[in-house]
Every structure is written in structure tokens, then in C-alpha cells.
Amino acid sequence: MNYKNPINHNCNIKCPKCNHTYSYDFKIEDLKKTTNKIGSVENSYEFLTYLICKNPLCNYDIEIKGEAIVNSSNIPDSIKIISIK
């Protein structure tokens, strides 16, 4: 089962190409459910999204992989960025 509601998120991201850090507001969509710990009431979902570096001299296409934890009321508890490429 996938999580259908988009999640708005804001965080600082460092471009892997030019090393500039910027604040990004982005929408996380198409979250896919991952395995839960036994007895956990929270659900874990993974996501993959892309951003464009805000440095006008770079414009690198940044790949963001992460995980969202959603509680039993179907409300996001936390967002964790796993990798930035």
C-alpha cells in the first residue's frame, strides 16, 4: 500500500556538484511502503524526488532519496533524507 497524500517539506540541501547549500521547499509524492518493525504502529514509506540546483551557474539535477514515517492516524511524523546524488 502506498501513501497517497503529498507531503510538503522544507530543508537545506547541498548540491553534490557545486557544493552550494540552499533551502528548498518541495513536495514529496508517490511514497512507497517499506517493511515495518514488528509491533510498530508507525508506517514507513520511501520516496525518490528530483530538484534542480538553485545556483544559476550549475543547474544540476539533484536526486533525493528518503523515508517518511507516518503514525497510525495517517499523519507524517518525520522525514529523513537518506541520500543526495
Protein backbone atom coordinates (compact mmCIF):
# COMPACT_ATOMS: atom_id res chain seq x y z
CA MET A 1 0.00 0.00 0.00
CA ASN A 2 1.32 3.43 -0.93
CA TYR A 3 0.77 6.74 0.83
CA LYS A 4 -1.37 8.87 -1.49
CA ASN A 5 -1.23 12.29 0.20
CA PRO A 6 1.61 14.57 -0.94
CA ILE A 7 3.81 15.94 1.85
CA ASN A 8 5.28 19.45 1.69
CA HIS A 9 8.80 19.60 3.10
CA ASN A 10 11.49 22.26 3.56
CA CYS A 11 15.17 21.58 4.20
CA ASN A 12 18.67 22.73 3.32
CA ILE A 13 20.26 20.66 0.57
CA LYS A 14 23.90 20.77 -0.52
CA CYS A 15 24.39 20.31 -4.26
CA PRO A 16 26.70 17.33 -4.89
CA LYS A 17 28.16 19.06 -7.96
CA CYS A 18 28.85 22.69 -6.91
CA ASN A 19 28.65 22.26 -3.07
CA HIS A 20 26.36 25.25 -2.57
CA THR A 21 23.72 24.82 0.13
CA TYR A 22 20.22 26.19 -0.42
CA SER A 23 16.86 25.96 1.28
CA TYR A 24 14.35 24.01 -0.80
CA ASP A 25 10.57 23.75 -0.47
CA PHE A 26 9.41 20.64 -2.27
CA LYS A 27 6.51 18.23 -2.43
CA ILE A 28 7.07 14.55 -1.72
CA GLU A 29 4.72 12.34 -3.72
CA ASP A 30 4.44 8.66 -4.65
CA LEU A 31 5.61 7.28 -1.32
CA LYS A 32 6.03 3.50 -1.37
CA LYS A 33 5.52 1.48 1.81
CA THR A 34 8.53 -0.33 3.25
CA THR A 35 8.58 -3.10 5.85
CA ASN A 36 7.63 -2.12 9.38
CA LYS A 37 9.19 -3.30 12.61
CA ILE A 38 7.07 -5.96 14.29
CA GLY A 39 4.61 -4.36 16.72
CA SER A 40 5.15 -0.85 15.37
CA VAL A 41 2.09 1.38 14.93
CA GLU A 42 4.00 3.64 12.56
CA ASN A 43 4.29 3.06 8.83
CA SER A 44 7.48 3.72 6.90
CA TYR A 45 7.44 4.95 3.30
CA GLU A 46 10.34 5.56 0.93
CA PHE A 47 10.44 8.28 -1.69
CA LEU A 48 12.53 9.48 -4.61
CA THR A 49 12.36 13.05 -5.87
CA TYR A 50 14.43 15.39 -8.02
CA LEU A 51 15.37 19.03 -7.54
CA ILE A 52 17.32 21.49 -9.71
CA CYS A 53 20.29 23.24 -8.07
CA LYS A 54 19.42 26.89 -7.45
CA ASN A 55 22.92 28.03 -8.39
CA PRO A 56 22.43 29.66 -11.84
CA LEU A 57 25.92 28.53 -12.88
CA CYS A 58 25.20 24.90 -12.01
CA ASN A 59 21.53 23.82 -12.50
CA TYR A 60 22.46 20.23 -11.57
CA ASP A 61 19.60 17.70 -11.36
CA ILE A 62 19.76 16.54 -7.70
CA GLU A 63 18.33 13.12 -6.79
CA ILE A 64 16.88 12.91 -3.26
CA LYS A 65 16.09 9.53 -1.65
CA GLY A 66 14.42 9.46 1.71
CA GLU A 67 11.99 7.95 4.17
CA ALA A 68 8.79 9.30 5.72
CA ILE A 69 7.39 7.92 8.98
CA VAL A 70 3.59 8.11 9.24
CA ASN A 71 1.75 7.46 12.52
CA SER A 72 -1.36 5.32 12.98
CA SER A 73 -3.58 8.39 12.35
CA ASN A 74 -2.03 8.63 8.87
CA ILE A 75 -0.18 11.87 9.76
CA PRO A 76 3.52 12.25 8.83
CA ASP A 77 5.77 12.22 11.93
CA SER A 78 9.19 12.66 10.35
CA ILE A 79 11.07 12.94 7.06
CA LYS A 80 14.59 11.54 6.75
CA ILE A 81 16.87 12.20 3.76
CA ILE A 82 18.87 9.03 3.07
CA SER A 83 20.96 10.06 0.07
CA ILE A 84 21.61 13.05 -2.18
CA LYS A 85 23.21 12.44 -5.58
